[in-house]
């Protein structure tokens, strides 16, 4: 999901484990990201269709089996 779409959600900030000098990680609640994806893509069916037609492998797409 594009970063601009994630601005609608509130992230939790955690220290970056790879480098203390790097920017903190922004962590999002998975259920909130999924709900936003459903809203943006026209519900569960629209999101599942996007997962199937996406040019990159989406192995974690929860609704891939619906189509």
N, C-alpha and C. Protein backbone atom coordinates (compact mmCIF):
# COMPACT_ATOMS: atom_id res chain seq x y z
N UNK A 1 0.86 -1.17 0.00
CA UNK A 1 0.00 0.00 0.00
C UNK A 1 0.90 1.24 0.00
N UNK A 2 0.56 2.24 -0.80
CA UNK A 2 1.39 3.44 -0.84
C UNK A 2 1.43 4.15 0.51
N UNK A 3 2.56 4.77 0.79
CA UNK A 3 2.76 5.48 2.05
C UNK A 3 1.69 6.54 2.28
N UNK A 4 1.28 7.21 1.22
CA UNK A 4 0.28 8.28 1.38
C UNK A 4 -1.04 7.73 1.91
N UNK A 5 -1.37 6.47 1.57
CA UNK A 5 -2.61 5.86 2.07
C UNK A 5 -2.48 5.49 3.54
N UNK A 6 -1.27 5.13 3.96
CA UNK A 6 -1.07 4.75 5.36
C UNK A 6 -1.15 5.94 6.32
N UNK A 7 -1.12 7.14 5.79
CA UNK A 7 -1.23 8.33 6.65
C UNK A 7 -2.56 8.38 7.39
N UNK A 8 -3.55 7.66 6.90
CA UNK A 8 -4.85 7.62 7.57
C UNK A 8 -4.79 6.81 8.86
N UNK A 9 -3.73 6.02 9.04
CA UNK A 9 -3.58 5.18 10.22
C UNK A 9 -2.56 5.78 11.18
N UNK A 10 -2.65 5.41 12.45
CA UNK A 10 -1.70 5.88 13.45
C UNK A 10 -0.66 4.80 13.70
N UNK A 11 0.61 5.10 13.39
CA UNK A 11 1.65 4.09 13.61
C UNK A 11 2.15 4.09 15.05
N UNK A 12 2.78 2.98 15.43
CA UNK A 12 3.53 2.90 16.68
C UNK A 12 4.99 3.00 16.27
N UNK A 13 5.76 3.80 16.95
CA UNK A 13 7.16 3.97 16.62
C UNK A 13 8.02 3.13 17.56
N UNK A 14 8.96 2.40 16.96
CA UNK A 14 9.89 1.56 17.71
C UNK A 14 11.30 1.84 17.21
N UNK A 15 12.26 1.69 18.08
CA UNK A 15 13.66 1.88 17.71
C UNK A 15 14.03 0.90 16.60
N UNK A 16 14.79 1.39 15.65
CA UNK A 16 15.24 0.56 14.54
C UNK A 16 16.29 -0.42 15.04
N UNK A 17 16.06 -1.73 14.93
CA UNK A 17 17.00 -2.71 15.46
C UNK A 17 18.28 -2.83 14.62
N UNK A 18 18.29 -2.31 13.41
CA UNK A 18 19.46 -2.43 12.55
C UNK A 18 20.48 -1.33 12.78
N UNK A 19 20.03 -0.17 13.23
CA UNK A 19 20.95 0.93 13.46
C UNK A 19 20.32 1.92 14.43
N UNK A 20 21.05 2.25 15.46
CA UNK A 20 20.54 3.23 16.43
C UNK A 20 20.36 4.61 15.81
N UNK A 21 21.14 4.92 14.77
CA UNK A 21 21.09 6.23 14.14
C UNK A 21 20.03 6.33 13.06
N UNK A 22 19.43 5.22 12.69
CA UNK A 22 18.40 5.23 11.65
C UNK A 22 17.08 5.74 12.21
N UNK A 23 16.21 6.13 11.32
CA UNK A 23 14.88 6.58 11.73
C UNK A 23 14.14 5.42 12.41
N UNK A 24 13.26 5.73 13.36
CA UNK A 24 12.51 4.65 14.01
C UNK A 24 11.56 3.95 13.03
N UNK A 25 11.26 2.70 13.32
CA UNK A 25 10.32 1.95 12.49
C UNK A 25 8.91 2.46 12.78
N UNK A 26 8.07 2.44 11.77
CA UNK A 26 6.65 2.74 11.94
C UNK A 26 5.91 1.42 11.82
N UNK A 27 5.24 1.01 12.89
CA UNK A 27 4.52 -0.25 12.91
C UNK A 27 3.02 0.03 12.91
N UNK A 28 2.29 -0.75 12.11
CA UNK A 28 0.85 -0.58 11.99
C UNK A 28 0.14 -1.85 12.42
N UNK A 29 -1.03 -1.73 12.99
CA UNK A 29 -1.83 -2.89 13.37
C UNK A 29 -2.33 -3.54 12.08
N UNK A 30 -2.07 -4.84 11.93
CA UNK A 30 -2.40 -5.54 10.70
C UNK A 30 -3.89 -5.45 10.36
N UNK A 31 -4.75 -5.57 11.36
CA UNK A 31 -6.19 -5.51 11.13
C UNK A 31 -6.60 -4.13 10.60
N UNK A 32 -5.94 -3.07 11.07
CA UNK A 32 -6.25 -1.73 10.60
C UNK A 32 -5.82 -1.54 9.15
N UNK A 33 -4.66 -2.10 8.79
CA UNK A 33 -4.19 -2.01 7.41
C UNK A 33 -5.12 -2.80 6.49
N UNK A 34 -5.54 -3.97 6.94
CA UNK A 34 -6.45 -4.79 6.14
C UNK A 34 -7.79 -4.08 5.95
N UNK A 35 -8.32 -3.48 7.00
CA UNK A 35 -9.60 -2.75 6.89
C UNK A 35 -9.47 -1.58 5.92
N UNK A 36 -8.35 -0.89 5.97
CA UNK A 36 -8.12 0.22 5.04
C UNK A 36 -8.03 -0.30 3.61
N UNK A 37 -7.36 -1.42 3.40
CA UNK A 37 -7.25 -2.01 2.06
C UNK A 37 -8.63 -2.39 1.53
N UNK A 38 -9.46 -2.98 2.38
CA UNK A 38 -10.81 -3.34 1.95
C UNK A 38 -11.60 -2.10 1.54
N UNK A 39 -11.47 -1.03 2.34
CA UNK A 39 -12.20 0.19 2.06
C UNK A 39 -11.74 0.81 0.74
N UNK A 40 -10.43 0.78 0.48
CA UNK A 40 -9.88 1.38 -0.73
C UNK A 40 -10.13 0.55 -1.98
N UNK A 41 -10.23 -0.77 -1.82
CA UNK A 41 -10.32 -1.65 -2.99
C UNK A 41 -11.72 -2.21 -3.22
N UNK A 42 -12.71 -1.69 -2.54
CA UNK A 42 -14.08 -2.12 -2.80
C UNK A 42 -14.47 -3.39 -2.07
N UNK A 43 -14.02 -3.54 -0.85
CA UNK A 43 -14.40 -4.70 -0.05
C UNK A 43 -13.48 -5.89 -0.24
N UNK A 44 -13.87 -7.01 0.36
CA UNK A 44 -13.03 -8.21 0.34
C UNK A 44 -12.85 -8.74 -1.08
N UNK A 45 -13.90 -8.72 -1.89
CA UNK A 45 -13.81 -9.25 -3.26
C UNK A 45 -12.86 -8.39 -4.11
N UNK A 46 -12.95 -7.09 -4.00
CA UNK A 46 -12.06 -6.20 -4.74
C UNK A 46 -10.61 -6.36 -4.31
N UNK A 47 -10.40 -6.54 -3.02
CA UNK A 47 -9.04 -6.74 -2.51
C UNK A 47 -8.47 -8.07 -2.99
N UNK A 48 -9.30 -9.11 -2.98
CA UNK A 48 -8.84 -10.42 -3.45
C UNK A 48 -8.47 -10.36 -4.93
N UNK A 49 -9.25 -9.65 -5.72
CA UNK A 49 -8.96 -9.51 -7.15
C UNK A 49 -7.63 -8.78 -7.36
N UNK A 50 -7.38 -7.76 -6.56
CA UNK A 50 -6.13 -7.03 -6.66
C UNK A 50 -4.95 -7.96 -6.32
N UNK A 51 -5.10 -8.80 -5.32
CA UNK A 51 -4.04 -9.73 -4.93
C UNK A 51 -3.70 -10.68 -6.08
N UNK A 52 -4.71 -11.14 -6.79
CA UNK A 52 -4.50 -12.09 -7.88
C UNK A 52 -3.86 -11.40 -9.08
N UNK A 53 -4.27 -10.18 -9.37
CA UNK A 53 -3.79 -9.51 -10.57
C UNK A 53 -2.54 -8.67 -10.34
N UNK A 54 -2.02 -8.61 -9.13
CA UNK A 54 -0.85 -7.79 -8.81
C UNK A 54 0.38 -8.33 -9.53
N UNK A 55 1.25 -7.45 -10.07
CA UNK A 55 2.42 -7.92 -10.83
C UNK A 55 3.51 -8.55 -9.96
N UNK A 56 3.48 -8.35 -8.66
CA UNK A 56 4.47 -8.93 -7.76
C UNK A 56 3.81 -10.04 -6.95
N UNK A 57 4.58 -11.04 -6.52
CA UNK A 57 3.98 -12.11 -5.72
C UNK A 57 3.49 -11.58 -4.37
N UNK A 58 2.28 -11.90 -4.05
CA UNK A 58 1.71 -11.46 -2.77
C UNK A 58 1.40 -12.70 -1.93
N UNK A 59 2.44 -13.32 -1.44
CA UNK A 59 2.28 -14.59 -0.72
C UNK A 59 1.48 -14.43 0.57
N UNK A 60 1.44 -13.21 1.13
CA UNK A 60 0.73 -13.01 2.40
C UNK A 60 -0.68 -12.50 2.20
N UNK A 61 -1.16 -12.43 0.99
CA UNK A 61 -2.50 -11.93 0.73
C UNK A 61 -3.51 -12.87 1.39
N UNK A 62 -4.25 -12.40 2.40
CA UNK A 62 -5.13 -13.29 3.15
C UNK A 62 -6.34 -13.79 2.36
N UNK A 63 -6.69 -13.12 1.29
CA UNK A 63 -7.90 -13.49 0.57
C UNK A 63 -7.60 -14.11 -0.78
N UNK A 64 -6.38 -14.49 -1.00
CA UNK A 64 -6.02 -15.05 -2.29
C UNK A 64 -6.83 -16.29 -2.64
N UNK A 65 -7.23 -17.05 -1.63
CA UNK A 65 -7.97 -18.29 -1.87
C UNK A 65 -9.43 -18.05 -2.22
N UNK A 66 -9.92 -16.83 -2.11
CA UNK A 66 -11.34 -16.55 -2.39
C UNK A 66 -11.65 -16.53 -3.88
N UNK A 67 -10.64 -16.32 -4.71
CA UNK A 67 -10.91 -16.20 -6.15
C UNK A 67 -10.59 -17.49 -6.88
